[in-house]
Amino acid sequence: MIDALVIVVLVATGALAVFGIASTVCNRPPGRVHTLAVGAVEALLVVQALIAAARVFGGVALPESTTFLIYLVVSVCVLPIALQFANAEPTRWGGTVIAVAAIATGVAVLRLQGLWAAGGV
C-alpha cells in the first residue's frame, strides 16, 4: 500500500465523519452533498483497493493475505451501504449513519496498513 494514499484516505474519512456529525447537529437530512462526499471518499478507497489488490495478486507475500483481502473488500463496501441506509429514511440521523460508516472505514484502513506493515512490505 502507498503510505501517502493511506494518509489521504484517513483524512478524507475523518472529514466525512465530521461532516456527517455536523449535518446531524444542523438537523439536515442527507442530500446531494452527502452523496458527493461519500462518492469522493469512495473513489479514493477504490484506487487504494485496486493498487493493493494488484500488488497482493502480483506476488507480495503477506502473513495474512486472506484477512487483508477481506478488509480491503469491507473498506470499499461500507460507505455505499451506509449511504443507502441514510437515504432510505431521510431524517437528521442520516448524517450520523454516514459518520459512523466513515469511522468504521477509517479503522478498516488502519487495520489494512497494519497487516501490510506486518508483511514487511
C-alpha atoms as a PDB file:
ATOM      1  CA  MET A   1       0.000   0.000   0.000  1.00  0.00           C
ATOM      2  CA  ILE A   2       1.117   3.544  -0.573  1.00  0.00           C
ATOM      3  CA  ASP A   3       1.644   5.378   2.721  1.00  0.00           C
ATOM      4  CA  ALA A   4       0.683   8.794   1.309  1.00  0.00           C
ATOM      5  CA  LEU A   5      -2.572   7.391  -0.059  1.00  0.00           C
ATOM      6  CA  VAL A   6      -3.362   5.817   3.309  1.00  0.00           C
ATOM      7  CA  ILE A   7      -2.938   9.211   4.970  1.00  0.00           C
ATOM      8  CA  VAL A   8      -5.151  10.895   2.364  1.00  0.00           C
ATOM      9  CA  VAL A   9      -7.836   8.240   2.851  1.00  0.00           C
ATOM     10  CA  LEU A  10      -7.696   8.591   6.636  1.00  0.00           C
ATOM     11  CA  VAL A  11      -8.005  12.373   6.425  1.00  0.00           C
ATOM     12  CA  ALA A  12     -10.901  12.026   3.966  1.00  0.00           C
ATOM     13  CA  THR A  13     -12.780   9.544   6.152  1.00  0.00           C
ATOM     14  CA  GLY A  14     -12.196  11.787   9.178  1.00  0.00           C
ATOM     15  CA  ALA A  15     -13.512  14.814   7.297  1.00  0.00           C
ATOM     16  CA  LEU A  16     -16.536  12.809   6.148  1.00  0.00           C
ATOM     17  CA  ALA A  17     -17.245  11.776   9.738  1.00  0.00           C
ATOM     18  CA  VAL A  18     -17.068  15.395  10.904  1.00  0.00           C
ATOM     19  CA  PHE A  19     -19.326  16.447   8.027  1.00  0.00           C
ATOM     20  CA  GLY A  20     -21.861  13.752   8.925  1.00  0.00           C
ATOM     21  CA  ILE A  21     -21.939  14.808  12.583  1.00  0.00           C
ATOM     22  CA  ALA A  22     -22.200  18.485  11.590  1.00  0.00           C
ATOM     23  CA  SER A  23     -25.174  17.788   9.343  1.00  0.00           C
ATOM     24  CA  THR A  24     -26.851  15.901  12.182  1.00  0.00           C
ATOM     25  CA  VAL A  25     -26.268  18.793  14.578  1.00  0.00           C
ATOM     26  CA  CYS A  26     -27.684  21.202  11.966  1.00  0.00           C
ATOM     27  CA  ASN A  27     -30.753  18.944  11.638  1.00  0.00           C
ATOM     28  CA  ARG A  28     -30.220  18.335   7.905  1.00  0.00           C
ATOM     29  CA  PRO A  29     -31.187  15.095   6.177  1.00  0.00           C
ATOM     30  CA  PRO A  30     -28.731  13.555   3.733  1.00  0.00           C
ATOM     31  CA  GLY A  31     -28.803  15.085   0.291  1.00  0.00           C
ATOM     32  CA  ARG A  32     -26.751  15.585  -2.826  1.00  0.00           C
ATOM     33  CA  VAL A  33     -23.767  16.974  -0.905  1.00  0.00           C
ATOM     34  CA  HIS A  34     -23.625  13.820   1.223  1.00  0.00           C
ATOM     35  CA  THR A  35     -23.741  11.667  -1.887  1.00  0.00           C
ATOM     36  CA  LEU A  36     -20.910  13.629  -3.492  1.00  0.00           C
ATOM     37  CA  ALA A  37     -18.807  13.499  -0.311  1.00  0.00           C
ATOM     38  CA  VAL A  38     -19.261   9.741   0.030  1.00  0.00           C
ATOM     39  CA  GLY A  39     -18.507   9.355  -3.691  1.00  0.00           C
ATOM     40  CA  ALA A  40     -15.239  11.260  -3.364  1.00  0.00           C
ATOM     41  CA  VAL A  41     -14.073   9.162  -0.415  1.00  0.00           C
ATOM     42  CA  GLU A  42     -15.246   6.015  -2.170  1.00  0.00           C
ATOM     43  CA  ALA A  43     -13.164   6.901  -5.242  1.00  0.00           C
ATOM     44  CA  LEU A  44     -10.065   7.134  -3.045  1.00  0.00           C
ATOM     45  CA  LEU A  45     -10.903   3.791  -1.455  1.00  0.00           C
ATOM     46  CA  VAL A  46     -11.351   2.108  -4.839  1.00  0.00           C
ATOM     47  CA  VAL A  47      -7.990   3.425  -6.057  1.00  0.00           C
ATOM     48  CA  GLN A  48      -6.348   2.173  -2.860  1.00  0.00           C
ATOM     49  CA  ALA A  49      -8.060  -1.215  -3.186  1.00  0.00           C
ATOM     50  CA  LEU A  50      -7.048  -1.652  -6.818  1.00  0.00           C
ATOM     51  CA  ILE A  51      -3.406  -0.826  -6.086  1.00  0.00           C
ATOM     52  CA  ALA A  52      -3.275  -3.079  -3.020  1.00  0.00           C
ATOM     53  CA  ALA A  53      -5.056  -5.989  -4.714  1.00  0.00           C
ATOM     54  CA  ALA A  54      -2.782  -5.743  -7.738  1.00  0.00           C
ATOM     55  CA  ARG A  55       0.278  -5.872  -5.503  1.00  0.00           C
ATOM     56  CA  VAL A  56      -1.058  -8.828  -3.467  1.00  0.00           C
ATOM     57  CA  PHE A  57      -2.024 -10.805  -6.564  1.00  0.00           C
ATOM     58  CA  GLY A  58       1.250  -9.722  -8.171  1.00  0.00           C
ATOM     59  CA  GLY A  59       3.256 -11.647  -5.622  1.00  0.00           C
ATOM     60  CA  VAL A  60       3.640  -9.561  -2.472  1.00  0.00           C
ATOM     61  CA  ALA A  61       3.682 -12.048   0.390  1.00  0.00           C
ATOM     62  CA  LEU A  62       1.636 -11.099   3.442  1.00  0.00           C
ATOM     63  CA  PRO A  63       1.314 -13.271   6.556  1.00  0.00           C
ATOM     64  CA  GLU A  64      -2.478 -12.955   6.400  1.00  0.00           C
ATOM     65  CA  SER A  65      -3.380 -12.389   2.748  1.00  0.00           C
ATOM     66  CA  THR A  66      -6.965 -13.593   3.132  1.00  0.00           C
ATOM     67  CA  THR A  67      -7.622 -11.312   6.079  1.00  0.00           C
ATOM     68  CA  PHE A  68      -6.061  -8.424   4.171  1.00  0.00           C
ATOM     69  CA  LEU A  69      -8.275  -9.009   1.141  1.00  0.00           C
ATOM     70  CA  ILE A  70     -11.393  -9.268   3.311  1.00  0.00           C
ATOM     71  CA  TYR A  71     -10.579  -5.938   4.973  1.00  0.00           C
ATOM     72  CA  LEU A  72      -9.966  -4.489   1.514  1.00  0.00           C
ATOM     73  CA  VAL A  73     -13.428  -5.515   0.325  1.00  0.00           C
ATOM     74  CA  VAL A  74     -15.036  -4.262   3.542  1.00  0.00           C
ATOM     75  CA  SER A  75     -13.298  -0.892   3.246  1.00  0.00           C
ATOM     76  CA  VAL A  76     -14.847  -0.392  -0.185  1.00  0.00           C
ATOM     77  CA  CYS A  77     -18.355  -1.660   0.669  1.00  0.00           C
ATOM     78  CA  VAL A  78     -19.197   0.082   3.962  1.00  0.00           C
ATOM     79  CA  LEU A  79     -19.759   3.666   2.765  1.00  0.00           C
ATOM     80  CA  PRO A  80     -22.127   2.900  -0.147  1.00  0.00           C
ATOM     81  CA  ILE A  81     -24.214   0.681   2.126  1.00  0.00           C
ATOM     82  CA  ALA A  82     -24.329   3.408   4.777  1.00  0.00           C
ATOM     83  CA  LEU A  83     -25.379   5.961   2.158  1.00  0.00           C
ATOM     84  CA  GLN A  84     -28.233   3.677   1.134  1.00  0.00           C
ATOM     85  CA  PHE A  85     -29.339   3.384   4.759  1.00  0.00           C
ATOM     86  CA  ALA A  86     -29.061   7.144   5.247  1.00  0.00           C
ATOM     87  CA  ASN A  87     -31.151   7.858   2.152  1.00  0.00           C
ATOM     88  CA  ALA A  88     -33.727   5.146   2.874  1.00  0.00           C
ATOM     89  CA  GLU A  89     -35.229   7.228   5.654  1.00  0.00           C
ATOM     90  CA  PRO A  90     -34.039  10.805   5.176  1.00  0.00           C
ATOM     91  CA  THR A  91     -34.040  12.191   8.704  1.00  0.00           C
ATOM     92  CA  ARG A  92     -31.427  14.218  10.513  1.00  0.00           C
ATOM     93  CA  TRP A  93     -29.791  10.960  11.658  1.00  0.00           C
ATOM     94  CA  GLY A  94     -28.647  10.078   8.154  1.00  0.00           C
ATOM     95  CA  GLY A  95     -25.526  12.140   8.740  1.00  0.00           C
ATOM     96  CA  THR A  96     -24.738  10.101  11.823  1.00  0.00           C
ATOM     97  CA  VAL A  97     -25.083   6.873   9.837  1.00  0.00           C
ATOM     98  CA  ILE A  98     -22.576   8.221   7.326  1.00  0.00           C
ATOM     99  CA  ALA A  99     -20.257   9.419  10.116  1.00  0.00           C
ATOM    100  CA  VAL A 100     -20.238   6.014  11.822  1.00  0.00           C
ATOM    101  CA  ALA A 101     -19.531   4.317   8.487  1.00  0.00           C
ATOM    102  CA  ALA A 102     -16.691   6.762   7.808  1.00  0.00           C
ATOM    103  CA  ILE A 103     -15.151   5.995  11.207  1.00  0.00           C
ATOM    104  CA  ALA A 104     -15.516   2.240  10.608  1.00  0.00           C
ATOM    105  CA  THR A 105     -13.906   2.616   7.184  1.00  0.00           C
ATOM    106  CA  GLY A 106     -11.026   4.572   8.712  1.00  0.00           C
ATOM    107  CA  VAL A 107     -10.495   1.789  11.235  1.00  0.00           C
ATOM    108  CA  ALA A 108     -10.511  -0.796   8.423  1.00  0.00           C
ATOM    109  CA  VAL A 109      -7.894   1.238   6.540  1.00  0.00           C
ATOM    110  CA  LEU A 110      -5.728   1.421   9.670  1.00  0.00           C
ATOM    111  CA  ARG A 111      -6.038  -2.340  10.037  1.00  0.00           C
ATOM    112  CA  LEU A 112      -5.094  -2.780   6.373  1.00  0.00           C
ATOM    113  CA  GLN A 113      -1.991  -0.682   6.934  1.00  0.00           C
ATOM    114  CA  GLY A 114      -1.112  -2.764   9.993  1.00  0.00           C
ATOM    115  CA  LEU A 115      -1.438  -6.012   8.050  1.00  0.00           C
ATOM    116  CA  TRP A 116       0.620  -4.563   5.215  1.00  0.00           C
ATOM    117  CA  ALA A 117       3.360  -3.442   7.596  1.00  0.00           C
ATOM    118  CA  ALA A 118       3.374  -6.869   9.275  1.00  0.00           C
ATOM    119  CA  GLY A 119       4.299  -8.309   5.899  1.00  0.00           C
ATOM    120  CA  GLY A 120       7.408  -6.169   5.864  1.00  0.00           C
ATOM    121  CA  VAL A 121       6.443  -4.551   2.590  1.00  0.00           C
END
